[in-house]
Amino acid sequence: MARELLKGGALPIVEIARRTGFATHAHFSTRFRQTVGSTPAEYRRRHRS
């Protein structure tokens, strides 16, 4: 879900973190980087539609 929201580019990363159940964008960013291998911002830049 987070990957699709990041690709769309319409929502701020803070809002994507909230919608995906994270209390802070920092925790979301850390877990996203551990899972995907890049930060949410880097992922968004590479995959923007």
N, C-alpha and C. Protein backbone atom coordinates (compact mmCIF):
# COMPACT_ATOMS: atom_id res chain seq x y z
N MET A 1 0.82 -1.19 0.00
CA MET A 1 0.00 0.00 0.00
C MET A 1 0.87 1.26 0.00
N ALA A 2 1.90 1.29 0.85
CA ALA A 2 2.76 2.47 0.93
C ALA A 2 3.44 2.73 -0.40
N ARG A 3 3.89 1.68 -1.06
CA ARG A 3 4.58 1.86 -2.35
C ARG A 3 3.65 2.51 -3.37
N GLU A 4 2.42 2.07 -3.42
CA GLU A 4 1.46 2.65 -4.38
C GLU A 4 1.18 4.11 -4.05
N LEU A 5 1.02 4.42 -2.77
CA LEU A 5 0.78 5.81 -2.37
C LEU A 5 1.98 6.70 -2.70
N LEU A 6 3.18 6.17 -2.53
CA LEU A 6 4.38 6.94 -2.87
C LEU A 6 4.48 7.17 -4.37
N LYS A 7 4.14 6.17 -5.16
CA LYS A 7 4.20 6.31 -6.62
C LYS A 7 3.23 7.39 -7.10
N GLY A 8 2.06 7.47 -6.46
CA GLY A 8 1.08 8.46 -6.87
C GLY A 8 1.55 9.89 -6.65
N GLY A 9 2.32 10.10 -5.59
CA GLY A 9 2.91 11.40 -5.34
C GLY A 9 1.99 12.46 -4.78
N ALA A 10 0.73 12.15 -4.55
CA ALA A 10 -0.22 13.17 -4.11
C ALA A 10 -0.16 13.44 -2.61
N LEU A 11 0.21 12.44 -1.83
CA LEU A 11 0.19 12.59 -0.37
C LEU A 11 1.59 12.82 0.18
N PRO A 12 1.69 13.64 1.22
CA PRO A 12 2.98 13.79 1.90
C PRO A 12 3.37 12.47 2.58
N ILE A 13 4.65 12.25 2.75
CA ILE A 13 5.12 11.02 3.38
C ILE A 13 4.58 10.89 4.79
N VAL A 14 4.42 11.99 5.50
CA VAL A 14 3.85 11.95 6.85
C VAL A 14 2.44 11.34 6.82
N GLU A 15 1.64 11.71 5.84
CA GLU A 15 0.28 11.19 5.72
C GLU A 15 0.30 9.72 5.33
N ILE A 16 1.20 9.33 4.45
CA ILE A 16 1.32 7.92 4.07
C ILE A 16 1.69 7.09 5.30
N ALA A 17 2.60 7.60 6.11
CA ALA A 17 2.98 6.91 7.35
C ALA A 17 1.76 6.71 8.24
N ARG A 18 0.98 7.76 8.41
CA ARG A 18 -0.22 7.67 9.25
C ARG A 18 -1.21 6.65 8.70
N ARG A 19 -1.45 6.69 7.39
CA ARG A 19 -2.42 5.79 6.77
C ARG A 19 -1.98 4.33 6.80
N THR A 20 -0.69 4.11 6.91
CA THR A 20 -0.20 2.74 6.95
C THR A 20 0.08 2.26 8.37
N GLY A 21 -0.36 3.04 9.36
CA GLY A 21 -0.34 2.58 10.74
C GLY A 21 0.88 2.95 11.58
N PHE A 22 1.71 3.85 11.09
CA PHE A 22 2.88 4.26 11.85
C PHE A 22 2.58 5.53 12.63
N ALA A 23 3.09 5.60 13.85
CA ALA A 23 2.86 6.77 14.69
C ALA A 23 3.70 7.96 14.25
N THR A 24 4.87 7.68 13.68
CA THR A 24 5.74 8.77 13.23
C THR A 24 6.27 8.46 11.83
N HIS A 25 6.57 9.53 11.09
CA HIS A 25 7.14 9.31 9.76
C HIS A 25 8.57 8.77 9.86
N ALA A 26 9.25 9.07 10.97
CA ALA A 26 10.62 8.56 11.15
C ALA A 26 10.62 7.04 11.25
N HIS A 27 9.69 6.49 12.02
CA HIS A 27 9.60 5.04 12.15
C HIS A 27 9.20 4.41 10.82
N PHE A 28 8.26 5.02 10.13
CA PHE A 28 7.86 4.56 8.80
C PHE A 28 9.06 4.54 7.86
N SER A 29 9.81 5.63 7.84
CA SER A 29 10.96 5.73 6.94
C SER A 29 12.02 4.67 7.25
N THR A 30 12.26 4.45 8.53
CA THR A 30 13.24 3.43 8.93
C THR A 30 12.80 2.05 8.48
N ARG A 31 11.56 1.69 8.75
CA ARG A 31 11.05 0.36 8.37
C ARG A 31 10.97 0.22 6.85
N PHE A 32 10.58 1.26 6.16
CA PHE A 32 10.50 1.23 4.70
C PHE A 32 11.89 0.97 4.12
N ARG A 33 12.89 1.68 4.63
CA ARG A 33 14.27 1.51 4.14
C ARG A 33 14.78 0.10 4.42
N GLN A 34 14.45 -0.45 5.58
CA GLN A 34 14.87 -1.81 5.91
C GLN A 34 14.21 -2.84 4.99
N THR A 35 12.97 -2.59 4.59
CA THR A 35 12.22 -3.52 3.76
C THR A 35 12.52 -3.37 2.28
N VAL A 36 12.55 -2.14 1.80
CA VAL A 36 12.64 -1.86 0.37
C VAL A 36 14.08 -1.58 -0.08
N GLY A 37 14.89 -1.05 0.82
CA GLY A 37 16.27 -0.75 0.46
C GLY A 37 16.51 0.70 0.08
N SER A 38 15.50 1.53 0.20
CA SER A 38 15.65 2.97 -0.02
C SER A 38 14.67 3.70 0.87
N THR A 39 14.91 4.98 1.06
CA THR A 39 13.98 5.77 1.86
C THR A 39 12.71 6.01 1.05
N PRO A 40 11.62 6.37 1.70
CA PRO A 40 10.40 6.68 0.95
C PRO A 40 10.61 7.79 -0.08
N ALA A 41 11.38 8.82 0.28
CA ALA A 41 11.62 9.93 -0.66
C ALA A 41 12.40 9.45 -1.89
N GLU A 42 13.42 8.63 -1.67
CA GLU A 42 14.19 8.08 -2.80
C GLU A 42 13.30 7.21 -3.68
N TYR A 43 12.48 6.38 -3.05
CA TYR A 43 11.57 5.50 -3.78
C TYR A 43 10.61 6.32 -4.63
N ARG A 44 10.06 7.37 -4.04
CA ARG A 44 9.12 8.24 -4.75
C ARG A 44 9.78 8.88 -5.97
N ARG A 45 10.98 9.38 -5.80
CA ARG A 45 11.70 10.01 -6.92
C ARG A 45 11.92 9.02 -8.06
N ARG A 46 12.27 7.80 -7.75
CA ARG A 46 12.56 6.80 -8.78
C ARG A 46 11.31 6.26 -9.46
N HIS A 47 10.18 6.25 -8.75
CA HIS A 47 8.98 5.59 -9.27
C HIS A 47 7.79 6.50 -9.51
N ARG A 48 8.00 7.79 -9.48
CA ARG A 48 6.89 8.74 -9.66
C ARG A 48 6.20 8.49 -10.99
N SER A 49 4.88 8.45 -10.94
CA SER A 49 4.11 8.18 -12.17
C SER A 49 3.74 9.45 -12.90
